[in-house]
Amino acid sequence: MLSPSEVRRIARQVSLFAKISEEDVAKILAKGMTMQIRKGSAVFYEKSTGNTMYVILSGKIELFEKKKHLASLGTGEMFGEMALISDEPRSATAIAGEDSTLFVLTETTFDELMTKRVAIRMLLNIIATLSKRLREANRRLMQQMAETNPDSSQTT
C-alpha cells in the first residue's frame, strides 16, 4: 500500500492523473497493480497484442520500432496507452532502460473498477498526451525535412 505522500507525488507527476483528485488516484492505485522490471527486460514487443498500459513510477523505459530508438520515457510518463484505445497490435517494443517500477492499468480496470467520471478524465489525459507526442513528432519531421531540403523552406 502506498503512503499518502507517495500518492500525492504520483498524482502530481503523472499526466494520466491530471485533474483527478488525490482520493481518486489513491483508489486507482489500490485497484491496479505494480510490477518491477529489470534493466534490459522487455515490457512488451512490437506487433504483440495487448489491452494494458503502463505508468512509470520510477526508472526509465526505452521504446523501439524495429531496431530504431523512438523515445526514452521516465518517471511519471505513460506508454502502451494505444492498446487501451484501439485493437491494433503494439506499434513499438518497450525495454527497461534501467530497473523500473511500473503501474499496470488494464482495460478491465477502466471498464469495471473506475467511475465513469474518472475514466473519462483519464481518457482525456491520454488524448492530451497523444496529441503532445504527435505535435512533437510533426515538429521533428518538419525539422528533418528542412535539414534535408534547405531550399524548400525558402520562398521566392
N, C-alpha and C. Protein backbone atom coordinates (compact mmCIF):
# COMPACT_ATOMS: atom_id res chain seq x y z
N MET A 1 0.85 -1.19 0.00
CA MET A 1 0.00 0.00 0.00
C MET A 1 0.89 1.25 0.00
N LEU A 2 0.56 2.20 -0.85
CA LEU A 2 1.34 3.43 -0.95
C LEU A 2 0.96 4.38 0.17
N SER A 3 1.95 5.11 0.64
CA SER A 3 1.70 6.11 1.67
C SER A 3 0.99 7.31 1.04
N PRO A 4 0.30 8.12 1.86
CA PRO A 4 -0.36 9.32 1.33
C PRO A 4 0.61 10.25 0.60
N SER A 5 1.85 10.37 1.09
CA SER A 5 2.81 11.25 0.42
C SER A 5 3.21 10.68 -0.94
N GLU A 6 3.31 9.34 -1.06
CA GLU A 6 3.62 8.73 -2.36
C GLU A 6 2.47 8.94 -3.34
N VAL A 7 1.23 8.82 -2.85
CA VAL A 7 0.07 9.05 -3.70
C VAL A 7 0.07 10.50 -4.19
N ARG A 8 0.35 11.45 -3.31
CA ARG A 8 0.40 12.86 -3.70
C ARG A 8 1.47 13.10 -4.76
N ARG A 9 2.64 12.50 -4.56
CA ARG A 9 3.73 12.65 -5.53
C ARG A 9 3.32 12.10 -6.89
N ILE A 10 2.73 10.93 -6.91
CA ILE A 10 2.30 10.31 -8.16
C ILE A 10 1.21 11.15 -8.82
N ALA A 11 0.25 11.62 -8.04
CA ALA A 11 -0.85 12.43 -8.57
C ALA A 11 -0.31 13.70 -9.23
N ARG A 12 0.76 14.27 -8.68
CA ARG A 12 1.34 15.50 -9.25
C ARG A 12 2.22 15.21 -10.46
N GLN A 13 2.93 14.09 -10.47
CA GLN A 13 3.92 13.81 -11.50
C GLN A 13 3.36 13.14 -12.75
N VAL A 14 2.27 12.42 -12.62
CA VAL A 14 1.79 11.58 -13.71
C VAL A 14 0.69 12.29 -14.49
N SER A 15 0.97 12.55 -15.77
CA SER A 15 -0.01 13.27 -16.59
C SER A 15 -1.33 12.52 -16.71
N LEU A 16 -1.29 11.21 -16.61
CA LEU A 16 -2.52 10.40 -16.67
C LEU A 16 -3.50 10.80 -15.57
N PHE A 17 -2.97 11.26 -14.44
CA PHE A 17 -3.81 11.59 -13.28
C PHE A 17 -4.09 13.09 -13.14
N ALA A 18 -3.76 13.87 -14.18
CA ALA A 18 -4.02 15.31 -14.13
C ALA A 18 -5.52 15.56 -13.92
N LYS A 19 -5.82 16.52 -13.05
CA LYS A 19 -7.20 16.93 -12.77
C LYS A 19 -8.05 15.82 -12.14
N ILE A 20 -7.39 14.84 -11.54
CA ILE A 20 -8.09 13.79 -10.80
C ILE A 20 -7.69 13.95 -9.34
N SER A 21 -8.64 13.88 -8.45
CA SER A 21 -8.37 14.11 -7.03
C SER A 21 -7.40 13.06 -6.48
N GLU A 22 -6.67 13.45 -5.44
CA GLU A 22 -5.75 12.51 -4.79
C GLU A 22 -6.51 11.29 -4.27
N GLU A 23 -7.72 11.52 -3.80
CA GLU A 23 -8.55 10.41 -3.30
C GLU A 23 -8.83 9.40 -4.42
N ASP A 24 -9.20 9.91 -5.60
CA ASP A 24 -9.46 9.02 -6.73
C ASP A 24 -8.17 8.36 -7.22
N VAL A 25 -7.06 9.09 -7.22
CA VAL A 25 -5.78 8.50 -7.60
C VAL A 25 -5.43 7.36 -6.64
N ALA A 26 -5.63 7.57 -5.36
CA ALA A 26 -5.35 6.52 -4.37
C ALA A 26 -6.20 5.28 -4.65
N LYS A 27 -7.47 5.48 -5.01
CA LYS A 27 -8.35 4.35 -5.32
C LYS A 27 -7.88 3.60 -6.56
N ILE A 28 -7.47 4.37 -7.59
CA ILE A 28 -6.98 3.75 -8.82
C ILE A 28 -5.73 2.92 -8.53
N LEU A 29 -4.80 3.52 -7.79
CA LEU A 29 -3.56 2.81 -7.46
C LEU A 29 -3.82 1.57 -6.63
N ALA A 30 -4.83 1.64 -5.75
CA ALA A 30 -5.16 0.48 -4.92
C ALA A 30 -5.77 -0.65 -5.75
N LYS A 31 -6.47 -0.30 -6.82
CA LYS A 31 -7.15 -1.31 -7.64
C LYS A 31 -6.23 -1.91 -8.70
N GLY A 32 -5.20 -1.17 -9.06
CA GLY A 32 -4.28 -1.66 -10.08
C GLY A 32 -3.17 -2.47 -9.44
N MET A 33 -2.17 -2.77 -10.22
CA MET A 33 -1.01 -3.48 -9.68
C MET A 33 0.26 -2.82 -10.18
N THR A 34 1.32 -3.05 -9.45
CA THR A 34 2.62 -2.56 -9.89
C THR A 34 3.49 -3.75 -10.25
N MET A 35 4.45 -3.49 -11.10
CA MET A 35 5.40 -4.54 -11.45
C MET A 35 6.81 -3.96 -11.45
N GLN A 36 7.74 -4.78 -11.05
CA GLN A 36 9.15 -4.43 -11.09
C GLN A 36 9.72 -5.07 -12.34
N ILE A 37 10.53 -4.31 -13.05
CA ILE A 37 11.16 -4.85 -14.26
C ILE A 37 12.64 -4.47 -14.26
N ARG A 38 13.44 -5.43 -14.58
CA ARG A 38 14.89 -5.25 -14.57
C ARG A 38 15.38 -4.60 -15.86
N LYS A 39 16.46 -3.85 -15.75
CA LYS A 39 17.10 -3.22 -16.90
C LYS A 39 17.33 -4.28 -17.98
N GLY A 40 16.96 -3.93 -19.22
CA GLY A 40 17.15 -4.82 -20.36
C GLY A 40 15.99 -5.76 -20.63
N SER A 41 15.05 -5.85 -19.71
CA SER A 41 13.89 -6.74 -19.89
C SER A 41 12.81 -6.04 -20.72
N ALA A 42 12.10 -6.83 -21.51
CA ALA A 42 11.02 -6.28 -22.33
C ALA A 42 9.72 -6.23 -21.53
N VAL A 43 9.02 -5.11 -21.67
CA VAL A 43 7.68 -4.99 -21.11
C VAL A 43 6.69 -5.59 -22.10
N PHE A 44 6.85 -5.25 -23.38
CA PHE A 44 6.09 -5.85 -24.46
C PHE A 44 6.86 -5.66 -25.76
N TYR A 45 6.42 -6.41 -26.77
CA TYR A 45 7.09 -6.38 -28.06
C TYR A 45 6.20 -5.78 -29.14
N GLU A 46 6.84 -5.13 -30.09
CA GLU A 46 6.15 -4.59 -31.27
C GLU A 46 5.36 -5.70 -31.94
N LYS A 47 4.17 -5.37 -32.41
CA LYS A 47 3.25 -6.25 -33.12
C LYS A 47 2.52 -7.23 -32.20
N SER A 48 2.84 -7.25 -30.90
CA SER A 48 2.08 -8.10 -29.98
C SER A 48 0.75 -7.42 -29.67
N THR A 49 -0.21 -8.20 -29.22
CA THR A 49 -1.50 -7.63 -28.84
C THR A 49 -1.49 -7.35 -27.35
N GLY A 50 -2.35 -6.45 -26.93
CA GLY A 50 -2.43 -6.14 -25.51
C GLY A 50 -3.55 -5.18 -25.22
N ASN A 51 -3.98 -5.19 -23.98
CA ASN A 51 -5.02 -4.25 -23.54
C ASN A 51 -4.59 -3.62 -22.22
N THR A 52 -3.30 -3.41 -22.10
CA THR A 52 -2.70 -2.89 -20.87
C THR A 52 -1.82 -1.69 -21.20
N MET A 53 -1.89 -0.69 -20.34
CA MET A 53 -0.97 0.44 -20.45
C MET A 53 -0.19 0.52 -19.14
N TYR A 54 0.86 1.31 -19.15
CA TYR A 54 1.78 1.39 -18.02
C TYR A 54 2.10 2.84 -17.69
N VAL A 55 2.30 3.08 -16.41
CA VAL A 55 2.78 4.37 -15.93
C VAL A 55 4.10 4.10 -15.21
N ILE A 56 5.12 4.86 -15.54
CA ILE A 56 6.43 4.67 -14.92
C ILE A 56 6.43 5.38 -13.57
N LEU A 57 6.49 4.59 -12.50
CA LEU A 57 6.55 5.15 -11.15
C LEU A 57 7.99 5.47 -10.77
N SER A 58 8.92 4.70 -11.31
CA SER A 58 10.34 5.01 -11.17
C SER A 58 11.08 4.27 -12.27
N GLY A 59 12.20 4.84 -12.70
CA GLY A 59 13.00 4.19 -13.72
C GLY A 59 12.87 4.82 -15.08
N LYS A 60 13.25 4.05 -16.10
CA LYS A 60 13.25 4.55 -17.48
C LYS A 60 12.89 3.41 -18.42
N ILE A 61 12.07 3.74 -19.41
CA ILE A 61 11.67 2.77 -20.44
C ILE A 61 12.09 3.33 -21.80
N GLU A 62 12.67 2.46 -22.61
CA GLU A 62 13.10 2.82 -23.97
C GLU A 62 12.12 2.19 -24.95
N LEU A 63 11.68 2.97 -25.94
CA LEU A 63 10.77 2.48 -26.96
C LEU A 63 11.50 2.36 -28.29
N PHE A 64 11.28 1.23 -28.96
CA PHE A 64 11.93 0.94 -30.23
C PHE A 64 10.90 0.47 -31.25
N GLU A 65 11.08 0.91 -32.49
CA GLU A 65 10.33 0.36 -33.62
C GLU A 65 11.36 -0.33 -34.49
N LYS A 66 11.17 -1.61 -34.68
CA LYS A 66 12.19 -2.46 -35.26
C LYS A 66 13.44 -2.26 -34.38
N LYS A 67 14.52 -1.78 -34.92
CA LYS A 67 15.70 -1.54 -34.07
C LYS A 67 15.94 -0.06 -33.84
N LYS A 68 15.06 0.79 -34.36
CA LYS A 68 15.22 2.24 -34.25
C LYS A 68 14.69 2.74 -32.91
N HIS A 69 15.54 3.48 -32.20
CA HIS A 69 15.14 4.06 -30.92
C HIS A 69 14.16 5.20 -31.16
N LEU A 70 12.99 5.13 -30.55
CA LEU A 70 11.96 6.15 -30.73
C LEU A 70 11.94 7.17 -29.60
N ALA A 71 12.06 6.67 -28.35
CA ALA A 71 11.92 7.59 -27.22
C ALA A 71 12.44 6.95 -25.94
N SER A 72 12.83 7.83 -25.03
CA SER A 72 13.16 7.43 -23.65
C SER A 72 12.11 8.07 -22.76
N LEU A 73 11.46 7.26 -21.96
CA LEU A 73 10.41 7.75 -21.07
C LEU A 73 10.84 7.55 -19.63
N GLY A 74 10.51 8.52 -18.77
CA GLY A 74 10.92 8.45 -17.38
C GLY A 74 9.75 8.52 -16.42
N THR A 75 10.08 8.68 -15.16
CA THR A 75 9.10 8.72 -14.08
C THR A 75 7.96 9.68 -14.41
N GLY A 76 6.75 9.17 -14.24
CA GLY A 76 5.56 9.98 -14.47
C GLY A 76 4.98 9.84 -15.86
N GLU A 77 5.73 9.26 -16.79
CA GLU A 77 5.23 9.13 -18.15
C GLU A 77 4.51 7.80 -18.34
N MET A 78 3.62 7.76 -19.34
CA MET A 78 2.86 6.56 -19.63
C MET A 78 3.25 6.03 -21.00
N PHE A 79 3.01 4.73 -21.19
CA PHE A 79 3.23 4.12 -22.50
C PHE A 79 2.31 2.91 -22.63
N GLY A 80 2.11 2.49 -23.87
CA GLY A 80 1.20 1.37 -24.12
C GLY A 80 -0.26 1.78 -24.13
N GLU A 81 -0.51 3.10 -24.05
CA GLU A 81 -1.89 3.58 -23.94
C GLU A 81 -2.72 3.33 -25.19
N MET A 82 -2.07 3.22 -26.34
CA MET A 82 -2.85 2.98 -27.57
C MET A 82 -3.55 1.63 -27.52
N ALA A 83 -3.01 0.69 -26.74
CA ALA A 83 -3.64 -0.63 -26.62
C ALA A 83 -5.00 -0.54 -25.93
N LEU A 84 -5.19 0.46 -25.08
CA LEU A 84 -6.48 0.64 -24.43
C LEU A 84 -7.49 1.31 -25.35
N ILE A 85 -7.01 1.99 -26.37
CA ILE A 85 -7.87 2.78 -27.23
C ILE A 85 -8.22 2.04 -28.51
N SER A 86 -7.30 1.23 -29.01
CA SER A 86 -7.54 0.54 -30.28
C SER A 86 -7.25 -0.94 -30.13
N ASP A 87 -7.71 -1.70 -31.08
CA ASP A 87 -7.43 -3.14 -31.10
C ASP A 87 -6.25 -3.47 -32.00
N GLU A 88 -5.44 -2.47 -32.29
CA GLU A 88 -4.28 -2.66 -33.16
C GLU A 88 -3.14 -3.31 -32.38
N PRO A 89 -2.27 -4.04 -33.07
CA PRO A 89 -1.07 -4.57 -32.40
C PRO A 89 -0.18 -3.42 -31.91
N ARG A 90 0.65 -3.69 -30.96
CA ARG A 90 1.54 -2.67 -30.40
C ARG A 90 2.47 -2.15 -31.49
N SER A 91 2.70 -0.83 -31.45
CA SER A 91 3.48 -0.19 -32.51
C SER A 91 4.97 -0.13 -32.20
N ALA A 92 5.35 -0.55 -31.00
CA ALA A 92 6.77 -0.47 -30.62
C ALA A 92 7.07 -1.55 -29.58
N THR A 93 8.35 -1.75 -29.36
CA THR A 93 8.83 -2.61 -28.28
C THR A 93 9.26 -1.72 -27.13
N ALA A 94 8.89 -2.10 -25.92
CA ALA A 94 9.25 -1.34 -24.71
C ALA A 94 10.24 -2.15 -23.89
N ILE A 95 11.42 -1.56 -23.67
CA ILE A 95 12.50 -2.23 -22.93
C ILE A 95 12.88 -1.34 -21.74
N ALA A 96 13.09 -1.95 -20.60
CA ALA A 96 13.52 -1.19 -19.42
C ALA A 96 14.94 -0.70 -19.64
N GLY A 97 15.11 0.63 -19.60
CA GLY A 97 16.43 1.24 -19.74
C GLY A 97 17.21 1.18 -18.44
N GLU A 98 16.49 1.00 -17.36
CA GLU A 98 17.06 0.79 -16.03
C GLU A 98 16.01 0.05 -15.20
N ASP A 99 16.41 -0.46 -14.05
CA ASP A 99 15.43 -1.11 -13.18
C ASP A 99 14.27 -0.13 -12.97
N SER A 100 13.04 -0.61 -13.13
CA SER A 100 11.88 0.29 -13.12
C SER A 100 10.72 -0.32 -12.35
N THR A 101 9.88 0.56 -11.83
CA THR A 101 8.62 0.17 -11.22
C THR A 101 7.51 0.77 -12.07
N LEU A 102 6.58 -0.08 -12.49
CA LEU A 102 5.51 0.34 -13.38
C LEU A 102 4.16 0.10 -12.73
N PHE A 103 3.24 1.04 -12.94
CA PHE A 103 1.85 0.83 -12.57
C PHE A 103 1.17 0.27 -13.79
N VAL A 104 0.46 -0.83 -13.64
CA VAL A 104 -0.18 -1.54 -14.74
C VAL A 104 -1.67 -1.22 -14.71
N LEU A 105 -2.18 -0.72 -15.81
CA LEU A 105 -3.59 -0.36 -15.91
C LEU A 105 -4.20 -1.14 -17.07
N THR A 106 -5.19 -1.97 -16.76
CA THR A 106 -5.80 -2.82 -17.78
C THR A 106 -7.13 -2.25 -18.24
N GLU A 107 -7.60 -2.79 -19.33
CA GLU A 107 -8.92 -2.42 -19.85
C GLU A 107 -10.00 -2.75 -18.82
N THR A 108 -9.83 -3.84 -18.10
CA THR A 108 -10.79 -4.23 -17.07
C THR A 108 -10.91 -3.16 -15.99
N THR A 109 -9.78 -2.57 -15.60
CA THR A 109 -9.81 -1.51 -14.60
C THR A 109 -10.65 -0.35 -15.10
N PHE A 110 -10.47 0.02 -16.36
CA PHE A 110 -11.28 1.09 -16.94
C PHE A 110 -12.75 0.71 -16.95
N ASP A 111 -13.05 -0.49 -17.42
CA ASP A 111 -14.44 -0.90 -17.62
C ASP A 111 -15.21 -1.15 -16.34
N GLU A 112 -14.55 -1.73 -15.35
CA GLU A 112 -15.29 -2.22 -14.19
C GLU A 112 -15.01 -1.50 -12.88
N LEU A 113 -13.82 -1.00 -12.71
CA LEU A 113 -13.43 -0.55 -11.39
C LEU A 113 -13.49 0.95 -11.17
N MET A 114 -13.50 1.73 -12.24
CA MET A 114 -13.48 3.19 -12.09
C MET A 114 -14.83 3.80 -12.36
N THR A 115 -15.08 4.93 -11.73
CA THR A 115 -16.29 5.67 -12.05
C THR A 115 -16.16 6.21 -13.47
N LYS A 116 -17.28 6.45 -14.10
CA LYS A 116 -17.24 7.00 -15.46
C LYS A 116 -16.53 8.34 -15.50
N ARG A 117 -16.75 9.17 -14.49
CA ARG A 117 -16.12 10.49 -14.44
C ARG A 117 -14.60 10.37 -14.46
N VAL A 118 -14.05 9.49 -13.62
CA VAL A 118 -12.60 9.31 -13.55
C VAL A 118 -12.08 8.67 -14.84
N ALA A 119 -12.78 7.68 -15.37
CA ALA A 119 -12.35 7.03 -16.60
C ALA A 119 -12.33 8.02 -17.76
N ILE A 120 -13.35 8.87 -17.86
CA ILE A 120 -13.38 9.89 -18.92
C ILE A 120 -12.22 10.86 -18.76
N ARG A 121 -11.95 11.31 -17.53
CA ARG A 121 -10.85 12.24 -17.29
C ARG A 121 -9.53 11.60 -17.69
N MET A 122 -9.34 10.31 -17.36
CA MET A 122 -8.10 9.62 -17.72
C MET A 122 -7.98 9.49 -19.24
N LEU A 123 -9.09 9.18 -19.91
CA LEU A 123 -9.05 9.09 -21.38
C LEU A 123 -8.72 10.44 -21.99
N LEU A 124 -9.27 11.52 -21.44
CA LEU A 124 -8.91 12.86 -21.93
C LEU A 124 -7.42 13.14 -21.70
N ASN A 125 -6.88 12.69 -20.58
CA ASN A 125 -5.45 12.87 -20.31
C ASN A 125 -4.60 12.06 -21.29
N ILE A 126 -5.07 10.86 -21.63
CA ILE A 126 -4.36 10.05 -22.63
C ILE A 126 -4.38 10.76 -23.98
N ILE A 127 -5.53 11.29 -24.37
CA ILE A 127 -5.64 12.02 -25.64
C ILE A 127 -4.70 13.22 -25.64
N ALA A 128 -4.62 13.94 -24.52
CA ALA A 128 -3.72 15.09 -24.44
C ALA A 128 -2.27 14.65 -24.61
N THR A 129 -1.90 13.53 -24.01
CA THR A 129 -0.54 13.03 -24.14
C THR A 129 -0.25 12.61 -25.58
N LEU A 130 -1.19 11.91 -26.20
CA LEU A 130 -1.01 11.51 -27.60
C LEU A 130 -0.90 12.72 -28.51
N SER A 131 -1.70 13.75 -28.25
CA SER A 131 -1.63 14.98 -29.05
C SER A 131 -0.28 15.66 -28.91
N LYS A 132 0.22 15.72 -27.69
CA LYS A 132 1.53 16.32 -27.44
C LYS A 132 2.62 15.55 -28.19
N ARG A 133 2.55 14.21 -28.14
CA ARG A 133 3.54 13.39 -28.83
C ARG A 133 3.44 13.56 -30.35
N LEU A 134 2.23 13.69 -30.86
CA LEU A 134 2.05 13.90 -32.30
C LEU A 134 2.61 15.25 -32.73
N ARG A 135 2.36 16.29 -31.95
CA ARG A 135 2.92 17.61 -32.26
C ARG A 135 4.45 17.55 -32.28
N GLU A 136 5.03 16.86 -31.30
CA GLU A 136 6.49 16.73 -31.23
C GLU A 136 7.02 15.96 -32.43
N ALA A 137 6.34 14.89 -32.82
CA ALA A 137 6.76 14.11 -33.99
C ALA A 137 6.67 14.96 -35.26
N ASN A 138 5.61 15.74 -35.37
CA ASN A 138 5.47 16.64 -36.53
C ASN A 138 6.59 17.66 -36.56
N ARG A 139 6.92 18.23 -35.41
CA ARG A 139 8.00 19.21 -35.33
C ARG A 139 9.33 18.58 -35.77
N ARG A 140 9.61 17.38 -35.28
CA ARG A 140 10.85 16.70 -35.66
C ARG A 140 10.87 16.39 -37.16
N LEU A 141 9.74 15.96 -37.69
CA LEU A 141 9.65 15.66 -39.11
C LEU A 141 9.90 16.90 -39.96
N MET A 142 9.29 18.00 -39.58
CA MET A 142 9.49 19.26 -40.31
C MET A 142 10.95 19.70 -40.22
N GLN A 143 11.56 19.53 -39.06
CA GLN A 143 12.96 19.89 -38.89
C GLN A 143 13.85 19.02 -39.78
N GLN A 144 13.57 17.71 -39.83
CA GLN A 144 14.34 16.81 -40.69
C GLN A 144 14.17 17.18 -42.16
N MET A 145 12.95 17.52 -42.55
CA MET A 145 12.70 17.90 -43.93
C MET A 145 13.46 19.19 -44.28
N ALA A 146 13.47 20.14 -43.37
CA ALA A 146 14.19 21.39 -43.61
C ALA A 146 15.69 21.16 -43.72
N GLU A 147 16.22 20.24 -42.91
CA GLU A 147 17.66 19.94 -42.95
C GLU A 147 18.02 19.19 -44.22
N THR A 148 17.13 18.31 -44.68
CA THR A 148 17.37 17.52 -45.88
C THR A 148 17.20 18.35 -47.14
N ASN A 149 16.24 19.26 -47.12
CA ASN A 149 15.90 20.08 -48.26
C ASN A 149 15.89 21.56 -47.86
N PRO A 150 17.03 22.16 -47.60
CA PRO A 150 17.03 23.53 -47.08
C PRO A 150 16.38 24.54 -48.03
N ASP A 151 16.42 24.31 -49.34
CA ASP A 151 15.84 25.26 -50.28
C ASP A 151 14.31 25.25 -50.27
N SER A 152 13.70 24.14 -49.84
CA SER A 152 12.25 24.03 -49.88
C SER A 152 11.57 24.91 -48.83
N SER A 153 12.31 25.33 -47.82
CA SER A 153 11.71 26.18 -46.78
C SER A 153 11.78 27.66 -47.12
N GLN A 154 12.49 28.01 -48.21
CA GLN A 154 12.61 29.41 -48.61
C GLN A 154 11.57 29.74 -49.68
N THR A 155 11.02 30.91 -49.60
CA THR A 155 10.06 31.34 -50.63
C THR A 155 10.76 32.30 -51.58
N THR A 156 10.24 32.38 -52.79
CA THR A 156 10.85 33.27 -53.78
C THR A 156 10.03 34.51 -53.97
